[in-house]
Amino acid sequence: IVSCLPLEFRGSDPSLRRNMESVLEGLMNAPGN
């Protein structure tokens, strides 16, 4: 999923990449997504 996002989420900013992964996990783990 992250590889399909803009460059700043793909590694240019490591903290922003971690934030994106946390947001994705929150969406996937939520009831009904």
Full PDB file with SEQRES, HELIX, SHEET, SSBOND, CRYST1, ORIGX, SCALE, CONECT and MASTER records, all heavy atoms in Angstrom:
SEQRES   1 A   33  ILE VAL SER CYS LEU PRO LEU GLU PHE ARG GLY SER ASP          
SEQRES   2 A   33  PRO SER LEU ARG ARG ASN MET GLU SER VAL LEU GLU GLY          
SEQRES   3 A   33  LEU MET ASN ALA PRO GLY ASN                                  
HELIX    1 AA1 VAL A    2  CYS A    4  5                                   3    
HELIX    2 AA2 LEU A    7  PHE A    9  5                                   3    
HELIX    3 AA3 PRO A   14  ASN A   29  1                                  16    
CRYST1    1.000    1.000    1.000  90.00  90.00  90.00 P 1           1          
ORIGX1      1.000000  0.000000  0.000000        0.00000                         
ORIGX2      0.000000  1.000000  0.000000        0.00000                         
ORIGX3      0.000000  0.000000  1.000000        0.00000                         
SCALE1      1.000000  0.000000  0.000000        0.00000                         
SCALE2      0.000000  1.000000  0.000000        0.00000                         
SCALE3      0.000000  0.000000  1.000000        0.00000                         
ATOM      1  N   ILE A   1       0.835  -1.206   0.000  1.00  0.00           N  
ATOM      2  CA  ILE A   1       0.000   0.000   0.000  1.00  0.00           C  
ATOM      3  C   ILE A   1       0.870   1.256   0.000  1.00  0.00           C  
ATOM      4  O   ILE A   1       0.627   2.206  -0.746  1.00  0.00           O  
ATOM      5  CB  ILE A   1      -0.948  -0.022   1.218  1.00  0.00           C  
ATOM      6  CG1 ILE A   1      -1.921  -1.208   1.100  1.00  0.00           C  
ATOM      7  CG2 ILE A   1      -1.709   1.287   1.324  1.00  0.00           C  
ATOM      8  CD1 ILE A   1      -2.743  -1.431   2.350  1.00  0.00           C  
ATOM      9  N   VAL A   2       1.887   1.246   0.861  1.00  0.00           N  
ATOM     10  CA  VAL A   2       2.745   2.434   0.966  1.00  0.00           C  
ATOM     11  C   VAL A   2       3.490   2.696  -0.344  1.00  0.00           C  
ATOM     12  O   VAL A   2       3.753   3.840  -0.723  1.00  0.00           O  
ATOM     13  CB  VAL A   2       3.736   2.272   2.139  1.00  0.00           C  
ATOM     14  CG1 VAL A   2       4.755   3.403   2.144  1.00  0.00           C  
ATOM     15  CG2 VAL A   2       2.980   2.258   3.463  1.00  0.00           C  
ATOM     16  N   SER A   3       3.849   1.650  -1.076  1.00  0.00           N  
ATOM     17  CA  SER A   3       4.566   1.823  -2.339  1.00  0.00           C  
ATOM     18  C   SER A   3       3.713   2.518  -3.396  1.00  0.00           C  
ATOM     19  O   SER A   3       4.255   3.019  -4.391  1.00  0.00           O  
ATOM     20  CB  SER A   3       5.028   0.463  -2.865  1.00  0.00           C  
ATOM     21  OG  SER A   3       3.913  -0.376  -3.153  1.00  0.00           O  
ATOM     22  N   CYS A   4       2.389   2.560  -3.196  1.00  0.00           N  
ATOM     23  CA  CYS A   4       1.505   3.240  -4.137  1.00  0.00           C  
ATOM     24  C   CYS A   4       1.242   4.700  -3.758  1.00  0.00           C  
ATOM     25  O   CYS A   4       0.545   5.406  -4.491  1.00  0.00           O  
ATOM     26  CB  CYS A   4       0.166   2.506  -4.236  1.00  0.00           C  
ATOM     27  SG  CYS A   4       0.303   0.798  -4.797  1.00  0.00           S  
ATOM     28  N   LEU A   5       1.788   5.136  -2.622  1.00  0.00           N  
ATOM     29  CA  LEU A   5       1.550   6.489  -2.141  1.00  0.00           C  
ATOM     30  C   LEU A   5       2.661   7.427  -2.625  1.00  0.00           C  
ATOM     31  O   LEU A   5       3.659   6.979  -3.192  1.00  0.00           O  
ATOM     32  CB  LEU A   5       1.484   6.482  -0.611  1.00  0.00           C  
ATOM     33  CG  LEU A   5       0.327   5.653  -0.013  1.00  0.00           C  
ATOM     34  CD1 LEU A   5       0.409   5.657   1.491  1.00  0.00           C  
ATOM     35  CD2 LEU A   5      -1.024   6.176  -0.482  1.00  0.00           C  
ATOM     36  N   PRO A   6       2.520   8.730  -2.413  1.00  0.00           N  
ATOM     37  CA  PRO A   6       3.565   9.678  -2.826  1.00  0.00           C  
ATOM     38  C   PRO A   6       4.916   9.376  -2.180  1.00  0.00           C  
ATOM     39  O   PRO A   6       5.015   8.628  -1.211  1.00  0.00           O  
ATOM     40  CB  PRO A   6       3.017  11.038  -2.377  1.00  0.00           C  
ATOM     41  CG  PRO A   6       1.533  10.854  -2.373  1.00  0.00           C  
ATOM     42  CD  PRO A   6       1.301   9.433  -1.954  1.00  0.00           C  
ATOM     43  N   LEU A   7       5.955  10.002  -2.731  1.00  0.00           N  
ATOM     44  CA  LEU A   7       7.327   9.701  -2.334  1.00  0.00           C  
ATOM     45  C   LEU A   7       7.583  10.010  -0.869  1.00  0.00           C  
ATOM     46  O   LEU A   7       8.338   9.278  -0.203  1.00  0.00           O  
ATOM     47  CB  LEU A   7       8.301  10.512  -3.204  1.00  0.00           C  
ATOM     48  CG  LEU A   7       9.794  10.313  -2.916  1.00  0.00           C  
ATOM     49  CD1 LEU A   7      10.188   8.871  -3.138  1.00  0.00           C  
ATOM     50  CD2 LEU A   7      10.624  11.238  -3.771  1.00  0.00           C  
ATOM     51  N   GLU A   8       6.978  11.040  -0.324  1.00  0.00           N  
ATOM     52  CA  GLU A   8       7.261  11.402   1.062  1.00  0.00           C  
ATOM     53  C   GLU A   8       6.797  10.326   2.041  1.00  0.00           C  
ATOM     54  O   GLU A   8       7.333  10.234   3.145  1.00  0.00           O  
ATOM     55  CB  GLU A   8       6.570  12.726   1.394  1.00  0.00           C  
ATOM     56  CG  GLU A   8       5.062  12.710   1.162  1.00  0.00           C  
ATOM     57  CD  GLU A   8       4.436  14.055   1.473  1.00  0.00           C  
ATOM     58  OE1 GLU A   8       5.105  14.863   2.170  1.00  0.00           O  
ATOM     59  OE2 GLU A   8       3.317  14.307   1.026  1.00  0.00           O  
ATOM     60  N   PHE A   9       5.860   9.493   1.630  1.00  0.00           N  
ATOM     61  CA  PHE A   9       5.417   8.404   2.499  1.00  0.00           C  
ATOM     62  C   PHE A   9       6.208   7.125   2.266  1.00  0.00           C  
ATOM     63  O   PHE A   9       6.036   6.159   3.021  1.00  0.00           O  
ATOM     64  CB  PHE A   9       3.928   8.111   2.257  1.00  0.00           C  
ATOM     65  CG  PHE A   9       3.028   9.253   2.607  1.00  0.00           C  
ATOM     66  CD1 PHE A   9       2.568  10.114   1.632  1.00  0.00           C  
ATOM     67  CD2 PHE A   9       2.647   9.489   3.917  1.00  0.00           C  
ATOM     68  CE1 PHE A   9       1.737  11.176   1.936  1.00  0.00           C  
ATOM     69  CE2 PHE A   9       1.810  10.548   4.240  1.00  0.00           C  
ATOM     70  CZ  PHE A   9       1.364  11.399   3.250  1.00  0.00           C  
ATOM     71  N   ARG A  10       7.052   7.104   1.206  1.00  0.00           N  
ATOM     72  CA  ARG A  10       7.744   5.866   0.866  1.00  0.00           C  
ATOM     73  C   ARG A  10       9.164   5.797   1.401  1.00  0.00           C  
ATOM     74  O   ARG A  10       9.902   4.901   1.029  1.00  0.00           O  
ATOM     75  CB  ARG A  10       7.798   5.707  -0.663  1.00  0.00           C  
ATOM     76  CG  ARG A  10       6.430   5.629  -1.308  1.00  0.00           C  
ATOM     77  CD  ARG A  10       6.505   4.971  -2.672  1.00  0.00           C  
ATOM     78  NE  ARG A  10       7.411   5.626  -3.580  1.00  0.00           N  
ATOM     79  CZ  ARG A  10       7.049   6.555  -4.461  1.00  0.00           C  
ATOM     80  NH1 ARG A  10       5.787   6.942  -4.506  1.00  0.00           N  
ATOM     81  NH2 ARG A  10       7.930   7.098  -5.276  1.00  0.00           N  
ATOM     82  N   GLY A  11       9.557   6.760   2.232  1.00  0.00           N  
ATOM     83  CA  GLY A  11      10.876   6.649   2.833  1.00  0.00           C  
ATOM     84  C   GLY A  11      11.633   7.938   2.933  1.00  0.00           C  
ATOM     85  O   GLY A  11      12.634   8.004   3.651  1.00  0.00           O  
ATOM     86  N   SER A  12      11.211   8.992   2.206  1.00  0.00           N  
ATOM     87  CA  SER A  12      11.928  10.247   2.333  1.00  0.00           C  
ATOM     88  C   SER A  12      11.789  10.835   3.731  1.00  0.00           C  
ATOM     89  O   SER A  12      12.661  11.550   4.203  1.00  0.00           O  
ATOM     90  CB  SER A  12      11.424  11.244   1.287  1.00  0.00           C  
ATOM     91  OG  SER A  12      10.032  11.496   1.492  1.00  0.00           O  
ATOM     92  N   ASP A  13      10.659  10.524   4.393  1.00  0.00           N  
ATOM     93  CA  ASP A  13      10.452  10.948   5.779  1.00  0.00           C  
ATOM     94  C   ASP A  13      10.087   9.695   6.586  1.00  0.00           C  
ATOM     95  O   ASP A  13       8.935   9.253   6.571  1.00  0.00           O  
ATOM     96  CB  ASP A  13       9.349  11.994   5.850  1.00  0.00           C  
ATOM     97  CG  ASP A  13       9.226  12.618   7.241  1.00  0.00           C  
ATOM     98  OD1 ASP A  13       9.904  12.131   8.160  1.00  0.00           O  
ATOM     99  OD2 ASP A  13       8.456  13.585   7.388  1.00  0.00           O  
ATOM    100  N   PRO A  14      11.045   9.081   7.303  1.00  0.00           N  
ATOM    101  CA  PRO A  14      10.765   7.822   8.018  1.00  0.00           C  
ATOM    102  C   PRO A  14       9.650   7.951   9.038  1.00  0.00           C  
ATOM    103  O   PRO A  14       8.829   7.036   9.200  1.00  0.00           O  
ATOM    104  CB  PRO A  14      12.108   7.485   8.681  1.00  0.00           C  
ATOM    105  CG  PRO A  14      13.129   8.198   7.850  1.00  0.00           C  
ATOM    106  CD  PRO A  14      12.467   9.457   7.394  1.00  0.00           C  
ATOM    107  N   SER A  15       9.604   9.074   9.755  1.00  0.00           N  
ATOM    108  CA  SER A  15       8.549   9.234  10.762  1.00  0.00           C  
ATOM    109  C   SER A  15       7.167   9.288  10.106  1.00  0.00           C  
ATOM    110  O   SER A  15       6.194   8.723  10.635  1.00  0.00           O  
ATOM    111  CB  SER A  15       8.804  10.510  11.568  1.00  0.00           C  
ATOM    112  OG  SER A  15       8.784  11.651  10.716  1.00  0.00           O  
ATOM    113  N   LEU A  16       7.087   9.952   8.929  1.00  0.00           N  
ATOM    114  CA  LEU A  16       5.809  10.010   8.235  1.00  0.00           C  
ATOM    115  C   LEU A  16       5.401   8.624   7.730  1.00  0.00           C  
ATOM    116  O   LEU A  16       4.210   8.286   7.721  1.00  0.00           O  
ATOM    117  CB  LEU A  16       5.905  10.992   7.069  1.00  0.00           C  
ATOM    118  CG  LEU A  16       4.601  11.330   6.347  1.00  0.00           C  
ATOM    119  CD1 LEU A  16       3.589  11.921   7.313  1.00  0.00           C  
ATOM    120  CD2 LEU A  16       4.853  12.315   5.209  1.00  0.00           C  
ATOM    121  N   ARG A  17       6.357   7.811   7.350  1.00  0.00           N  
ATOM    122  CA  ARG A  17       6.041   6.446   6.923  1.00  0.00           C  
ATOM    123  C   ARG A  17       5.485   5.635   8.093  1.00  0.00           C  
ATOM    124  O   ARG A  17       4.504   4.890   7.938  1.00  0.00           O  
ATOM    125  CB  ARG A  17       7.301   5.778   6.358  1.00  0.00           C  
ATOM    126  CG  ARG A  17       7.066   4.336   5.896  1.00  0.00           C  
ATOM    127  CD  ARG A  17       8.366   3.668   5.502  1.00  0.00           C  
ATOM    128  NE  ARG A  17       8.156   2.274   5.146  1.00  0.00           N  
ATOM    129  CZ  ARG A  17       7.926   1.834   3.922  1.00  0.00           C  
ATOM    130  NH1 ARG A  17       7.866   2.696   2.928  1.00  0.00           N  
ATOM    131  NH2 ARG A  17       7.743   0.555   3.680  1.00  0.00           N  
ATOM    132  N   ARG A  18       6.091   5.792   9.280  1.00  0.00           N  
ATOM    133  CA  ARG A  18       5.569   5.082  10.461  1.00  0.00           C  
ATOM    134  C   ARG A  18       4.161   5.550  10.793  1.00  0.00           C  
ATOM    135  O   ARG A  18       3.292   4.740  11.175  1.00  0.00           O  
ATOM    136  CB  ARG A  18       6.506   5.313  11.643  1.00  0.00           C  
ATOM    137  CG  ARG A  18       7.858   4.614  11.515  1.00  0.00           C  
ATOM    138  CD  ARG A  18       8.584   4.593  12.843  1.00  0.00           C  
ATOM    139  NE  ARG A  18       8.847   5.942  13.325  1.00  0.00           N  
ATOM    140  CZ  ARG A  18       9.944   6.637  13.051  1.00  0.00           C  
ATOM    141  NH1 ARG A  18      10.891   6.094  12.275  1.00  0.00           N  
ATOM    142  NH2 ARG A  18      10.124   7.847  13.526  1.00  0.00           N  
ATOM    143  N   ASN A  19       3.927   6.859  10.665  1.00  0.00           N  
ATOM    144  CA  ASN A  19       2.574   7.359  10.922  1.00  0.00           C  
ATOM    145  C   ASN A  19       1.565   6.770   9.944  1.00  0.00           C  
ATOM    146  O   ASN A  19       0.439   6.408  10.332  1.00  0.00           O  
ATOM    147  CB  ASN A  19       2.563   8.884  10.811  1.00  0.00           C  
ATOM    148  CG  ASN A  19       3.438   9.556  11.845  1.00  0.00           C  
ATOM    149  OD1 ASN A  19       3.997  10.617  11.620  1.00  0.00           O  
ATOM    150  ND2 ASN A  19       3.607   8.935  13.010  1.00  0.00           N  
ATOM    151  N   MET A  20       1.952   6.653   8.657  1.00  0.00           N  
ATOM    152  CA  MET A  20       1.063   6.078   7.670  1.00  0.00           C  
ATOM    153  C   MET A  20       0.760   4.615   7.988  1.00  0.00           C  
ATOM    154  O   MET A  20      -0.396   4.160   7.878  1.00  0.00           O  
ATOM    155  CB  MET A  20       1.675   6.213   6.279  1.00  0.00           C  
ATOM    156  CG  MET A  20       0.847   5.573   5.161  1.00  0.00           C  
ATOM    157  SD  MET A  20      -0.840   6.241   5.009  1.00  0.00           S  
ATOM    158  CE  MET A  20      -0.475   7.838   4.295  1.00  0.00           C  
ATOM    159  N   GLU A  21       1.773   3.881   8.393  1.00  0.00           N  
ATOM    160  CA  GLU A  21       1.543   2.468   8.756  1.00  0.00           C  
ATOM    161  C   GLU A  21       0.612   2.352   9.965  1.00  0.00           C  
ATOM    162  O   GLU A  21      -0.265   1.465  10.000  1.00  0.00           O  
ATOM    163  CB  GLU A  21       2.880   1.797   9.048  1.00  0.00           C  
ATOM    164  CG  GLU A  21       3.761   1.634   7.804  1.00  0.00           C  
ATOM    165  CD  GLU A  21       5.096   1.008   8.140  1.00  0.00           C  
ATOM    166  OE1 GLU A  21       5.376   0.834   9.351  1.00  0.00           O  
ATOM    167  OE2 GLU A  21       5.873   0.695   7.206  1.00  0.00           O  
ATOM    168  N   SER A  22       0.755   3.252  10.941  1.00  0.00           N  
ATOM    169  CA  SER A  22      -0.141   3.226  12.107  1.00  0.00           C  
ATOM    170  C   SER A  22      -1.578   3.540  11.704  1.00  0.00           C  
ATOM    171  O   SER A  22      -2.536   2.905  12.178  1.00  0.00           O  
ATOM    172  CB  SER A  22       0.349   4.234  13.161  1.00  0.00           C  
ATOM    173  OG  SER A  22       1.654   3.919  13.600  1.00  0.00           O  
ATOM    174  N   VAL A  23      -1.739   4.536  10.793  1.00  0.00           N  
ATOM    175  CA  VAL A  23      -3.094   4.882  10.332  1.00  0.00           C  
ATOM    176  C   VAL A  23      -3.704   3.712   9.565  1.00  0.00           C  
ATOM    177  O   VAL A  23      -4.894   3.383   9.735  1.00  0.00           O  
ATOM    178  CB  VAL A  23      -3.036   6.149   9.468  1.00  0.00           C  
ATOM    179  CG1 VAL A  23      -4.381   6.399   8.793  1.00  0.00           C  
ATOM    180  CG2 VAL A  23      -2.650   7.360  10.297  1.00  0.00           C  
ATOM    181  N   LEU A  24      -2.913   3.043   8.723  1.00  0.00           N  
ATOM    182  CA  LEU A  24      -3.427   1.903   7.963  1.00  0.00           C  
ATOM    183  C   LEU A  24      -3.827   0.762   8.894  1.00  0.00           C  
ATOM    184  O   LEU A  24      -4.879   0.117   8.697  1.00  0.00           O  
ATOM    185  CB  LEU A  24      -2.364   1.442   6.969  1.00  0.00           C  
ATOM    186  CG  LEU A  24      -2.095   2.381   5.788  1.00  0.00           C  
ATOM    187  CD1 LEU A  24      -0.907   1.872   4.980  1.00  0.00           C  
ATOM    188  CD2 LEU A  24      -3.316   2.477   4.890  1.00  0.00           C  
ATOM    189  N   GLU A  25      -3.028   0.483   9.908  1.00  0.00           N  
ATOM    190  CA  GLU A  25      -3.379  -0.563  10.864  1.00  0.00           C  
ATOM    191  C   GLU A  25      -4.650  -0.219  11.624  1.00  0.00           C  
ATOM    192  O   GLU A  25      -5.509  -1.081  11.886  1.00  0.00           O  
ATOM    193  CB  GLU A  25      -2.227  -0.797  11.829  1.00  0.00           C  
ATOM    194  CG  GLU A  25      -1.018  -1.475  11.196  1.00  0.00           C  
ATOM    195  CD  GLU A  25       0.086  -1.715  12.200  1.00  0.00           C  
ATOM    196  OE1 GLU A  25      -0.055  -1.243  13.347  1.00  0.00           O  
ATOM    197  OE2 GLU A  25       1.095  -2.347  11.843  1.00  0.00           O  
ATOM    198  N   GLY A  26      -4.808   1.079  11.992  1.00  0.00           N  
ATOM    199  CA  GLY A  26      -6.031   1.488  12.677  1.00  0.00           C  
ATOM    200  C   GLY A  26      -7.255   1.305  11.803  1.00  0.00           C  
ATOM    201  O   GLY A  26      -8.321   0.884  12.283  1.00  0.00           O  
ATOM    202  N   LEU A  27      -7.117   1.607  10.486  1.00  0.00           N  
ATOM    203  CA  LEU A  27      -8.253   1.413   9.582  1.00  0.00           C  
ATOM    204  C   LEU A  27      -8.568  -0.061   9.387  1.00  0.00           C  
ATOM    205  O   LEU A  27      -9.751  -0.472   9.360  1.00  0.00           O  
ATOM    206  CB  LEU A  27      -7.949   2.067   8.233  1.00  0.00           C  
ATOM    207  CG  LEU A  27      -7.951   3.600   8.188  1.00  0.00           C  
ATOM    208  CD1 LEU A  27      -7.344   4.092   6.878  1.00  0.00           C  
ATOM    209  CD2 LEU A  27      -9.371   4.132   8.332  1.00  0.00           C  
ATOM    210  N   MET A  28      -7.530  -0.882   9.242  1.00  0.00           N  
ATOM    211  CA  MET A  28      -7.753  -2.319   9.012  1.00  0.00           C  
ATOM    212  C   MET A  28      -8.278  -3.033  10.255  1.00  0.00           C  
ATOM    213  O   MET A  28      -9.049  -3.990  10.140  1.00  0.00           O  
ATOM    214  CB  MET A  28      -6.450  -2.966   8.546  1.00  0.00           C  
ATOM    215  CG  MET A  28      -5.980  -2.495   7.184  1.00  0.00           C  
ATOM    216  SD  MET A  28      -4.407  -3.252   6.734  1.00  0.00           S  
ATOM    217  CE  MET A  28      -4.117  -2.513   5.129  1.00  0.00           C  
ATOM    218  N   ASN A  29      -7.871  -2.568  11.454  1.00  0.00           N  
ATOM    219  CA  ASN A  29      -8.294  -3.243  12.680  1.00  0.00           C  
ATOM    220  C   ASN A  29      -9.644  -2.766  13.176  1.00  0.00           C  
ATOM    221  O   ASN A  29     -10.241  -3.403  14.061  1.00  0.00           O  
ATOM    222  CB  ASN A  29      -7.247  -3.023  13.780  1.00  0.00           C  
ATOM    223  CG  ASN A  29      -5.917  -3.668  13.427  1.00  0.00           C  
ATOM    224  OD1 ASN A  29      -5.874  -4.637  12.665  1.00  0.00           O  
ATOM    225  ND2 ASN A  29      -4.834  -3.154  13.993  1.00  0.00           N  
ATOM    226  N   ALA A  30     -10.150  -1.625  12.626  1.00  0.00           N  
ATOM    227  CA  ALA A  30     -11.423  -1.088  13.097  1.00  0.00           C  
ATOM    228  C   ALA A  30     -12.574  -1.978  12.634  1.00  0.00           C  
ATOM    229  O   ALA A  30     -12.514  -2.579  11.552  1.00  0.00           O  
ATOM    230  CB  ALA A  30     -11.606   0.324  12.573  1.00  0.00           C  
ATOM    231  N   PRO A  31     -13.634  -2.068  13.426  1.00  0.00           N  
ATOM    232  CA  PRO A  31     -14.813  -2.836  13.014  1.00  0.00           C  
ATOM    233  C   PRO A  31     -15.439  -2.232  11.771  1.00  0.00           C  
ATOM    234  O   PRO A  31     -15.696  -1.034  11.719  1.00  0.00           O  
ATOM    235  CB  PRO A  31     -15.749  -2.713  14.218  1.00  0.00           C  
ATOM    236  CG  PRO A  31     -14.861  -2.383  15.365  1.00  0.00           C  
ATOM    237  CD  PRO A  31     -13.751  -1.559  14.804  1.00  0.00           C  
ATOM    238  N   GLY A  32     -15.604  -3.053  10.774  1.00  0.00           N  
ATOM    239  CA  GLY A  32     -16.153  -2.569   9.513  1.00  0.00           C  
ATOM    240  C   GLY A  32     -15.176  -1.713   8.742  1.00  0.00           C  
ATOM    241  O   GLY A  32     -15.572  -1.066   7.776  1.00  0.00           O  
ATOM    242  N   ASN A  33     -13.930  -1.694   9.188  1.00  0.00           N  
ATOM    243  CA  ASN A  33     -12.894  -0.872   8.538  1.00  0.00           C  
ATOM    244  C   ASN A  33     -13.315   0.586   8.425  1.00  0.00           C  
ATOM    245  O   ASN A  33     -12.990   1.273   7.461  1.00  0.00           O  
ATOM    246  CB  ASN A  33     -12.552  -1.423   7.158  1.00  0.00           C  
ATOM    247  CG  ASN A  33     -11.911  -2.793   7.212  1.00  0.00           C  
ATOM    248  OD1 ASN A  33     -11.315  -3.170   8.222  1.00  0.00           O  
ATOM    249  ND2 ASN A  33     -12.049  -3.560   6.141  1.00  0.00           N  
TER     250      ASN A  33                                                      
MASTER        0    0    0    3    0    0    0    6  249    1    0    3          
END                                                                             
